[in-house]
Amino acid sequence: WGYVPDHRSILKSVEKLAAGHYRLLRHDAEPAAARSWWDV
């Protein structure tokens, strides 16, 4: 593609929060996956 898309990062340890998504994190739980809040 000529760029690294949002579903990937050049580093294995890094992620990108996708467009139209959110994450709700808590201290007493594993990091929650991103959830979509808008689509066209």
All heavy atoms as atom14 arrays in JSON, in Angstrom:
{
  "sequence": "WGYVPDHRSILKSVEKLAAGHYRLLRHDAEPAAARSWWDV",
  "atom14_mask": [
    [1, 1, 1, 1, 1, 1, 1, 1, 1, 1, 1, 1, 1, 1],
    [1, 1, 1, 1, 0, 0, 0, 0, 0, 0, 0, 0, 0, 0],
    [1, 1, 1, 1, 1, 1, 1, 1, 1, 1, 1, 1, 0, 0],
    [1, 1, 1, 1, 1, 1, 1, 0, 0, 0, 0, 0, 0, 0],
    [1, 1, 1, 1, 1, 1, 1, 0, 0, 0, 0, 0, 0, 0],
    [1, 1, 1, 1, 1, 1, 1, 1, 0, 0, 0, 0, 0, 0],
    [1, 1, 1, 1, 1, 1, 1, 1, 1, 1, 0, 0, 0, 0],
    [1, 1, 1, 1, 1, 1, 1, 1, 1, 1, 1, 0, 0, 0],
    [1, 1, 1, 1, 1, 1, 0, 0, 0, 0, 0, 0, 0, 0],
    [1, 1, 1, 1, 1, 1, 1, 1, 0, 0, 0, 0, 0, 0],
    [1, 1, 1, 1, 1, 1, 1, 1, 0, 0, 0, 0, 0, 0],
    [1, 1, 1, 1, 1, 1, 1, 1, 1, 0, 0, 0, 0, 0],
    [1, 1, 1, 1, 1, 1, 0, 0, 0, 0, 0, 0, 0, 0],
    [1, 1, 1, 1, 1, 1, 1, 0, 0, 0, 0, 0, 0, 0],
    [1, 1, 1, 1, 1, 1, 1, 1, 1, 0, 0, 0, 0, 0],
    [1, 1, 1, 1, 1, 1, 1, 1, 1, 0, 0, 0, 0, 0],
    [1, 1, 1, 1, 1, 1, 1, 1, 0, 0, 0, 0, 0, 0],
    [1, 1, 1, 1, 1, 0, 0, 0, 0, 0, 0, 0, 0, 0],
    [1, 1, 1, 1, 1, 0, 0, 0, 0, 0, 0, 0, 0, 0],
    [1, 1, 1, 1, 0, 0, 0, 0, 0, 0, 0, 0, 0, 0],
    [1, 1, 1, 1, 1, 1, 1, 1, 1, 1, 0, 0, 0, 0],
    [1, 1, 1, 1, 1, 1, 1, 1, 1, 1, 1, 1, 0, 0],
    [1, 1, 1, 1, 1, 1, 1, 1, 1, 1, 1, 0, 0, 0],
    [1, 1, 1, 1, 1, 1, 1, 1, 0, 0, 0, 0, 0, 0],
    [1, 1, 1, 1, 1, 1, 1, 1, 0, 0, 0, 0, 0, 0],
    [1, 1, 1, 1, 1, 1, 1, 1, 1, 1, 1, 0, 0, 0],
    [1, 1, 1, 1, 1, 1, 1, 1, 1, 1, 0, 0, 0, 0],
    [1, 1, 1, 1, 1, 1, 1, 1, 0, 0, 0, 0, 0, 0],
    [1, 1, 1, 1, 1, 0, 0, 0, 0, 0, 0, 0, 0, 0],
    [1, 1, 1, 1, 1, 1, 1, 1, 1, 0, 0, 0, 0, 0],
    [1, 1, 1, 1, 1, 1, 1, 0, 0, 0, 0, 0, 0, 0],
    [1, 1, 1, 1, 1, 0, 0, 0, 0, 0, 0, 0, 0, 0],
    [1, 1, 1, 1, 1, 0, 0, 0, 0, 0, 0, 0, 0, 0],
    [1, 1, 1, 1, 1, 0, 0, 0, 0, 0, 0, 0, 0, 0],
    [1, 1, 1, 1, 1, 1, 1, 1, 1, 1, 1, 0, 0, 0],
    [1, 1, 1, 1, 1, 1, 0, 0, 0, 0, 0, 0, 0, 0],
    [1, 1, 1, 1, 1, 1, 1, 1, 1, 1, 1, 1, 1, 1],
    [1, 1, 1, 1, 1, 1, 1, 1, 1, 1, 1, 1, 1, 1],
    [1, 1, 1, 1, 1, 1, 1, 1, 0, 0, 0, 0, 0, 0],
    [1, 1, 1, 1, 1, 1, 1, 0, 0, 0, 0, 0, 0, 0]
  ],
  "atom14_positions": [
    [[0.79, -1.23, 0.0], [0.0, 0.0, 0.0], [0.83, 1.28, 0.0], [0.29, 2.35, -0.32], [-0.94, 0.01, 1.21], [-1.71, -1.25, 1.38], [-1.67, -2.1, 2.45], [-2.63, -1.85, 0.45], [-2.5, -3.17, 2.26], [-3.1, -3.05, 1.03], [-3.09, -1.47, -0.82], [-4.02, -3.88, 0.37], [-4.0, -2.3, -1.46], [-4.46, -3.49, -0.87]],
    [[2.08, 1.22, 0.42], [2.88, 2.43, 0.53], [2.78, 3.08, 1.89], [3.35, 4.14, 2.14], [0.0, 0.0, 0.0], [0.0, 0.0, 0.0], [0.0, 0.0, 0.0], [0.0, 0.0, 0.0], [0.0, 0.0, 0.0], [0.0, 0.0, 0.0], [0.0, 0.0, 0.0], [0.0, 0.0, 0.0], [0.0, 0.0, 0.0], [0.0, 0.0, 0.0]],
    [[2.05, 2.45, 2.81], [1.91, 2.91, 4.19], [1.55, 1.68, 5.02], [1.18, 0.63, 4.47], [0.84, 3.99, 4.33], [-0.51, 3.58, 3.78], [-1.47, 2.96, 4.58], [-0.84, 3.81, 2.44], [-2.69, 2.57, 4.07], [-2.06, 3.43, 1.92], [-2.98, 2.8, 2.74], [-4.2, 2.41, 2.23], [0.0, 0.0, 0.0], [0.0, 0.0, 0.0]],
    [[1.64, 1.79, 6.32], [1.23, 0.71, 7.21], [-0.19, 1.01, 7.66], [-0.42, 1.98, 8.37], [2.17, 0.58, 8.43], [1.73, -0.58, 9.31], [3.61, 0.38, 7.97], [0.0, 0.0, 0.0], [0.0, 0.0, 0.0], [0.0, 0.0, 0.0], [0.0, 0.0, 0.0], [0.0, 0.0, 0.0], [0.0, 0.0, 0.0], [0.0, 0.0, 0.0]],
    [[-1.18, 0.21, 7.24], [-2.58, 0.54, 7.53], [-2.9, 0.51, 9.02], [-2.11, 0.04, 9.85], [-3.36, -0.57, 6.79], [-2.38, -1.19, 5.85], [-1.03, -1.02, 6.47], [0.0, 0.0, 0.0], [0.0, 0.0, 0.0], [0.0, 0.0, 0.0], [0.0, 0.0, 0.0], [0.0, 0.0, 0.0], [0.0, 0.0, 0.0], [0.0, 0.0, 0.0]],
    [[-4.1, 0.98, 9.34], [-4.49, 1.12, 10.74], [-4.6, -0.2, 11.49], [-4.58, -0.21, 12.73], [-5.82, 1.88, 10.85], [-5.63, 3.38, 10.87], [-4.48, 3.83, 10.75], [-6.63, 4.11, 11.01], [0.0, 0.0, 0.0], [0.0, 0.0, 0.0], [0.0, 0.0, 0.0], [0.0, 0.0, 0.0], [0.0, 0.0, 0.0], [0.0, 0.0, 0.0]],
    [[-4.76, -1.31, 10.79], [-4.86, -2.59, 11.5], [-3.48, -3.14, 11.89], [-3.4, -4.21, 12.48], [-5.61, -3.62, 10.66], [-4.94, -3.95, 9.35], [-5.32, -3.38, 8.16], [-3.9, -4.78, 9.04], [-4.56, -3.85, 7.18], [-3.69, -4.69, 7.7], [0.0, 0.0, 0.0], [0.0, 0.0, 0.0], [0.0, 0.0, 0.0], [0.0, 0.0, 0.0]],
    [[-2.44, -2.43, 11.57], [-1.08, -2.91, 11.81], [-0.18, -1.76, 12.24], [-0.49, -0.59, 12.04], [-0.51, -3.52, 10.52], [0.77, -4.31, 10.69], [0.52, -5.76, 10.97], [-0.28, -6.39, 9.92], [-1.04, -7.47, 10.1], [-1.09, -8.02, 11.29], [-1.73, -7.99, 9.1], [0.0, 0.0, 0.0], [0.0, 0.0, 0.0], [0.0, 0.0, 0.0]],
    [[0.96, -2.1, 12.82], [2.01, -1.13, 13.11], [3.34, -1.73, 12.71], [3.49, -2.96, 12.64], [2.03, -0.77, 14.6], [3.23, -0.08, 14.94], [0.0, 0.0, 0.0], [0.0, 0.0, 0.0], [0.0, 0.0, 0.0], [0.0, 0.0, 0.0], [0.0, 0.0, 0.0], [0.0, 0.0, 0.0], [0.0, 0.0, 0.0], [0.0, 0.0, 0.0]],
    [[4.31, -0.89, 12.42], [5.63, -1.37, 12.04], [6.28, -2.14, 13.2], [7.1, -3.02, 12.97], [6.55, -0.19, 11.61], [7.85, -0.7, 10.98], [6.82, 0.74, 12.76], [7.66, -1.43, 9.68], [0.0, 0.0, 0.0], [0.0, 0.0, 0.0], [0.0, 0.0, 0.0], [0.0, 0.0, 0.0], [0.0, 0.0, 0.0], [0.0, 0.0, 0.0]],
    [[5.88, -1.85, 14.44], [6.38, -2.56, 15.61], [5.32, -3.52, 16.14], [4.14, -3.15, 16.26], [6.78, -1.57, 16.71], [7.87, -0.56, 16.36], [8.15, 0.35, 17.54], [9.15, -1.26, 15.91], [0.0, 0.0, 0.0], [0.0, 0.0, 0.0], [0.0, 0.0, 0.0], [0.0, 0.0, 0.0], [0.0, 0.0, 0.0], [0.0, 0.0, 0.0]],
    [[5.73, -4.72, 16.48], [4.78, -5.73, 16.95], [4.06, -5.31, 18.22], [2.92, -5.71, 18.46], [5.51, -7.05, 17.2], [5.86, -7.83, 15.95], [6.46, -9.19, 16.32], [6.72, -10.03, 15.09], [7.28, -11.36, 15.45], [0.0, 0.0, 0.0], [0.0, 0.0, 0.0], [0.0, 0.0, 0.0], [0.0, 0.0, 0.0], [0.0, 0.0, 0.0]],
    [[4.72, -4.51, 19.04], [4.14, -4.16, 20.35], [3.15, -3.0, 20.28], [2.55, -2.65, 21.3], [5.28, -3.79, 21.32], [6.02, -2.68, 20.81], [0.0, 0.0, 0.0], [0.0, 0.0, 0.0], [0.0, 0.0, 0.0], [0.0, 0.0, 0.0], [0.0, 0.0, 0.0], [0.0, 0.0, 0.0], [0.0, 0.0, 0.0], [0.0, 0.0, 0.0]],
    [[3.0, -2.4, 19.11], [2.2, -1.17, 18.99], [0.93, -1.43, 18.17], [0.95, -2.2, 17.21], [3.03, -0.05, 18.33], [2.18, 1.19, 18.07], [4.22, 0.3, 19.21], [0.0, 0.0, 0.0], [0.0, 0.0, 0.0], [0.0, 0.0, 0.0], [0.0, 0.0, 0.0], [0.0, 0.0, 0.0], [0.0, 0.0, 0.0], [0.0, 0.0, 0.0]],
    [[-0.16, -0.8, 18.57], [-1.42, -0.83, 17.83], [-1.88, 0.59, 17.56], [-1.45, 1.54, 18.24], [-2.5, -1.58, 18.61], [-2.21, -3.04, 18.86], [-3.32, -3.72, 19.65], [-4.16, -2.98, 20.24], [-3.37, -4.95, 19.68], [0.0, 0.0, 0.0], [0.0, 0.0, 0.0], [0.0, 0.0, 0.0], [0.0, 0.0, 0.0], [0.0, 0.0, 0.0]],
    [[-2.77, 0.73, 16.58], [-3.42, 2.02, 16.33], [-4.9, 1.88, 16.64], [-5.51, 0.87, 16.27], [-3.25, 2.44, 14.87], [-1.81, 2.58, 14.43], [-1.7, 2.62, 12.92], [-0.24, 2.52, 12.49], [-0.1, 2.27, 11.05], [0.0, 0.0, 0.0], [0.0, 0.0, 0.0], [0.0, 0.0, 0.0], [0.0, 0.0, 0.0], [0.0, 0.0, 0.0]],
    [[-5.45, 2.85, 17.34], [-6.9, 2.86, 17.52], [-7.52, 3.25, 16.19], [-7.21, 4.3, 15.63], [-7.29, 3.86, 18.61], [-8.78, 3.9, 18.97], [-9.23, 2.55, 19.52], [-9.06, 5.0, 19.98], [0.0, 0.0, 0.0], [0.0, 0.0, 0.0], [0.0, 0.0, 0.0], [0.0, 0.0, 0.0], [0.0, 0.0, 0.0], [0.0, 0.0, 0.0]],
    [[-8.38, 2.4, 15.65], [-8.94, 2.63, 14.33], [-9.91, 3.81, 14.33], [-10.49, 4.17, 15.36], [-9.66, 1.37, 13.84], [0.0, 0.0, 0.0], [0.0, 0.0, 0.0], [0.0, 0.0, 0.0], [0.0, 0.0, 0.0], [0.0, 0.0, 0.0], [0.0, 0.0, 0.0], [0.0, 0.0, 0.0], [0.0, 0.0, 0.0], [0.0, 0.0, 0.0]],
    [[-10.1, 4.41, 13.17], [-11.06, 5.5, 13.02], [-12.44, 5.03, 13.45], [-12.84, 3.9, 13.19], [-11.09, 5.95, 11.56], [0.0, 0.0, 0.0], [0.0, 0.0, 0.0], [0.0, 0.0, 0.0], [0.0, 0.0, 0.0], [0.0, 0.0, 0.0], [0.0, 0.0, 0.0], [0.0, 0.0, 0.0], [0.0, 0.0, 0.0], [0.0, 0.0, 0.0]],
    [[-13.17, 5.92, 14.13], [-14.52, 5.6, 14.56], [-14.58, 4.51, 15.62], [-15.6, 3.82, 15.74], [0.0, 0.0, 0.0], [0.0, 0.0, 0.0], [0.0, 0.0, 0.0], [0.0, 0.0, 0.0], [0.0, 0.0, 0.0], [0.0, 0.0, 0.0], [0.0, 0.0, 0.0], [0.0, 0.0, 0.0], [0.0, 0.0, 0.0], [0.0, 0.0, 0.0]],
    [[-13.54, 4.35, 16.41], [-13.49, 3.33, 17.46], [-13.13, 3.96, 18.81], [-12.59, 5.07, 18.86], [-12.45, 2.25, 17.13], [-12.93, 1.24, 16.13], [-13.19, 1.57, 14.82], [-13.19, -0.1, 16.25], [-13.6, 0.49, 14.17], [-13.6, -0.52, 15.0], [0.0, 0.0, 0.0], [0.0, 0.0, 0.0], [0.0, 0.0, 0.0], [0.0, 0.0, 0.0]],
    [[-13.43, 3.22, 19.88], [-13.04, 3.65, 21.22], [-12.62, 2.44, 22.04], [-12.91, 1.28, 21.69], [-14.19, 4.39, 21.93], [-15.33, 3.5, 22.38], [-15.29, 2.83, 23.61], [-16.46, 3.33, 21.58], [-16.34, 2.01, 24.02], [-17.51, 2.52, 21.98], [-17.44, 1.86, 23.21], [-18.47, 1.04, 23.61], [0.0, 0.0, 0.0], [0.0, 0.0, 0.0]],
    [[-11.92, 2.69, 23.14], [-11.57, 1.66, 24.11], [-11.91, 2.18, 25.5], [-11.62, 3.35, 25.82], [-10.09, 1.29, 24.05], [-9.67, 0.64, 22.76], [-8.19, 0.27, 22.75], [-7.93, -0.9, 23.58], [-6.73, -1.48, 23.68], [-5.69, -0.98, 23.02], [-6.56, -2.55, 24.45], [0.0, 0.0, 0.0], [0.0, 0.0, 0.0], [0.0, 0.0, 0.0]],
    [[-12.52, 1.34, 26.31], [-12.84, 1.69, 27.69], [-12.06, 0.74, 28.6], [-12.33, -0.46, 28.65], [-14.34, 1.57, 27.93], [-14.87, 2.12, 29.26], [-14.58, 3.62, 29.38], [-16.36, 1.86, 29.39], [0.0, 0.0, 0.0], [0.0, 0.0, 0.0], [0.0, 0.0, 0.0], [0.0, 0.0, 0.0], [0.0, 0.0, 0.0], [0.0, 0.0, 0.0]],
    [[-11.06, 1.28, 29.3], [-10.12, 0.47, 30.08], [-10.4, 0.61, 31.57], [-10.74, 1.7, 32.05], [-8.69, 0.9, 29.78], [-8.29, 0.94, 28.3], [-6.89, 1.51, 28.15], [-8.38, -0.44, 27.68], [0.0, 0.0, 0.0], [0.0, 0.0, 0.0], [0.0, 0.0, 0.0], [0.0, 0.0, 0.0], [0.0, 0.0, 0.0], [0.0, 0.0, 0.0]],
    [[-10.2, -0.51, 32.29], [-10.41, -0.52, 33.74], [-9.15, -1.03, 34.44], [-8.41, -1.84, 33.89], [-11.6, -1.43, 34.1], [-12.89, -1.03, 33.41], [-14.05, -1.96, 33.78], [-15.25, -1.62, 33.04], [-16.1, -0.65, 33.37], [-15.87, 0.06, 34.47], [-17.16, -0.4, 32.64], [0.0, 0.0, 0.0], [0.0, 0.0, 0.0], [0.0, 0.0, 0.0]],
    [[-8.97, -0.57, 35.66], [-7.79, -1.02, 36.41], [-7.89, -2.49, 36.79], [-6.86, -3.15, 36.96], [-7.64, -0.2, 37.7], [-7.19, 1.21, 37.48], [-6.0, 1.53, 36.89], [-7.78, 2.4, 37.79], [-5.86, 2.84, 36.83], [-6.94, 3.39, 37.36], [0.0, 0.0, 0.0], [0.0, 0.0, 0.0], [0.0, 0.0, 0.0], [0.0, 0.0, 0.0]],
    [[-9.1, -3.01, 36.95], [-9.26, -4.37, 37.46], [-9.52, -5.4, 36.37], [-10.08, -6.46, 36.62], [-10.41, -4.41, 38.47], [-11.72, -3.91, 37.88], [-11.72, -3.48, 36.7], [-12.76, -3.94, 38.58], [0.0, 0.0, 0.0], [0.0, 0.0, 0.0], [0.0, 0.0, 0.0], [0.0, 0.0, 0.0], [0.0, 0.0, 0.0], [0.0, 0.0, 0.0]],
    [[-9.13, -5.08, 35.13], [-9.4, -6.0, 34.03], [-8.32, -5.87, 32.96], [-7.61, -4.86, 32.88], [-10.78, -5.72, 33.43], [0.0, 0.0, 0.0], [0.0, 0.0, 0.0], [0.0, 0.0, 0.0], [0.0, 0.0, 0.0], [0.0, 0.0, 0.0], [0.0, 0.0, 0.0], [0.0, 0.0, 0.0], [0.0, 0.0, 0.0], [0.0, 0.0, 0.0]],
    [[-8.19, -6.9, 32.13], [-7.31, -6.84, 30.98], [-7.79, -5.75, 30.03], [-9.0, -5.44, 29.99], [-7.28, -8.18, 30.25], [-6.47, -9.25, 30.97], [-5.0, -8.88, 31.02], [-4.39, -8.69, 29.94], [-4.45, -8.78, 32.14], [0.0, 0.0, 0.0], [0.0, 0.0, 0.0], [0.0, 0.0, 0.0], [0.0, 0.0, 0.0], [0.0, 0.0, 0.0]],
    [[-6.9, -5.15, 29.23], [-7.32, -4.07, 28.33], [-8.43, -4.53, 27.38], [-8.31, -5.54, 26.69], [-6.03, -3.74, 27.55], [-4.93, -4.21, 28.44], [-5.44, -5.41, 29.16], [0.0, 0.0, 0.0], [0.0, 0.0, 0.0], [0.0, 0.0, 0.0], [0.0, 0.0, 0.0], [0.0, 0.0, 0.0], [0.0, 0.0, 0.0], [0.0, 0.0, 0.0]],
    [[-9.52, -3.8, 27.38], [-10.66, -4.14, 26.53], [-10.31, -3.86, 25.07], [-9.56, -2.94, 24.75], [-11.87, -3.32, 26.94], [0.0, 0.0, 0.0], [0.0, 0.0, 0.0], [0.0, 0.0, 0.0], [0.0, 0.0, 0.0], [0.0, 0.0, 0.0], [0.0, 0.0, 0.0], [0.0, 0.0, 0.0], [0.0, 0.0, 0.0], [0.0, 0.0, 0.0]],
    [[-10.86, -4.68, 24.17], [-10.66, -4.48, 22.74], [-11.38, -3.21, 22.28], [-12.32, -2.74, 22.91], [-11.18, -5.69, 21.96], [0.0, 0.0, 0.0], [0.0, 0.0, 0.0], [0.0, 0.0, 0.0], [0.0, 0.0, 0.0], [0.0, 0.0, 0.0], [0.0, 0.0, 0.0], [0.0, 0.0, 0.0], [0.0, 0.0, 0.0], [0.0, 0.0, 0.0]],
    [[-10.91, -2.67, 21.17], [-11.55, -1.49, 20.6], [-12.94, -1.85, 20.08], [-13.17, -2.95, 19.57], [-10.7, -0.93, 19.47], [0.0, 0.0, 0.0], [0.0, 0.0, 0.0], [0.0, 0.0, 0.0], [0.0, 0.0, 0.0], [0.0, 0.0, 0.0], [0.0, 0.0, 0.0], [0.0, 0.0, 0.0], [0.0, 0.0, 0.0], [0.0, 0.0, 0.0]],
    [[-13.87, -0.91, 20.2], [-15.24, -1.1, 19.71], [-15.59, 0.02, 18.74], [-15.23, 1.18, 18.95], [-16.24, -1.12, 20.88], [-15.96, -2.22, 21.88], [-17.05, -2.3, 22.94], [-18.34, -2.66, 22.37], [-19.45, -2.82, 23.08], [-19.41, -2.67, 24.41], [-20.59, -3.14, 22.49], [0.0, 0.0, 0.0], [0.0, 0.0, 0.0], [0.0, 0.0, 0.0]],
    [[-16.32, -0.33, 17.7], [-16.73, 0.65, 16.71], [-17.89, 1.47, 17.23], [-18.85, 0.93, 17.81], [-17.13, -0.06, 15.41], [-17.69, 0.86, 14.48], [0.0, 0.0, 0.0], [0.0, 0.0, 0.0], [0.0, 0.0, 0.0], [0.0, 0.0, 0.0], [0.0, 0.0, 0.0], [0.0, 0.0, 0.0], [0.0, 0.0, 0.0], [0.0, 0.0, 0.0]],
    [[-17.84, 2.79, 17.01], [-18.97, 3.63, 17.4], [-19.57, 4.39, 16.21], [-20.6, 5.06, 16.37], [-18.54, 4.62, 18.49], [-17.54, 5.67, 18.09], [-16.19, 5.56, 18.14], [-17.81, 6.99, 17.62], [-15.59, 6.72, 17.73], [-16.57, 7.63, 17.4], [-18.98, 7.7, 17.37], [-16.45, 8.93, 16.93], [-18.88, 9.01, 16.9], [-17.63, 9.6, 16.69]],
    [[-18.95, 4.27, 15.03], [-19.5, 4.92, 13.83], [-19.06, 4.16, 12.59], [-17.97, 3.61, 12.55], [-19.0, 6.37, 13.73], [-19.56, 7.11, 12.53], [-20.75, 7.79, 12.47], [-18.95, 7.26, 11.23], [-20.92, 8.34, 11.21], [-19.84, 8.03, 10.43], [-17.76, 6.81, 10.67], [-19.55, 8.36, 9.11], [-17.48, 7.13, 9.35], [-18.37, 7.91, 8.58]],
    [[-19.95, 4.12, 11.61], [-19.62, 3.58, 10.31], [-20.44, 4.34, 9.27], [-21.45, 4.97, 9.61], [-19.93, 2.08, 10.24], [-19.23, 1.37, 9.09], [-18.43, 2.02, 8.39], [-19.48, 0.17, 8.9], [0.0, 0.0, 0.0], [0.0, 0.0, 0.0], [0.0, 0.0, 0.0], [0.0, 0.0, 0.0], [0.0, 0.0, 0.0], [0.0, 0.0, 0.0]],
    [[-20.02, 4.29, 8.04], [-20.77, 4.92, 6.95], [-21.47, 3.82, 6.17], [-20.86, 2.79, 5.87], [-19.85, 5.77, 6.05], [-18.74, 4.93, 5.42], [-20.66, 6.48, 4.97], [0.0, 0.0, 0.0], [0.0, 0.0, 0.0], [0.0, 0.0, 0.0], [0.0, 0.0, 0.0], [0.0, 0.0, 0.0], [0.0, 0.0, 0.0], [0.0, 0.0, 0.0]]
  ]
}
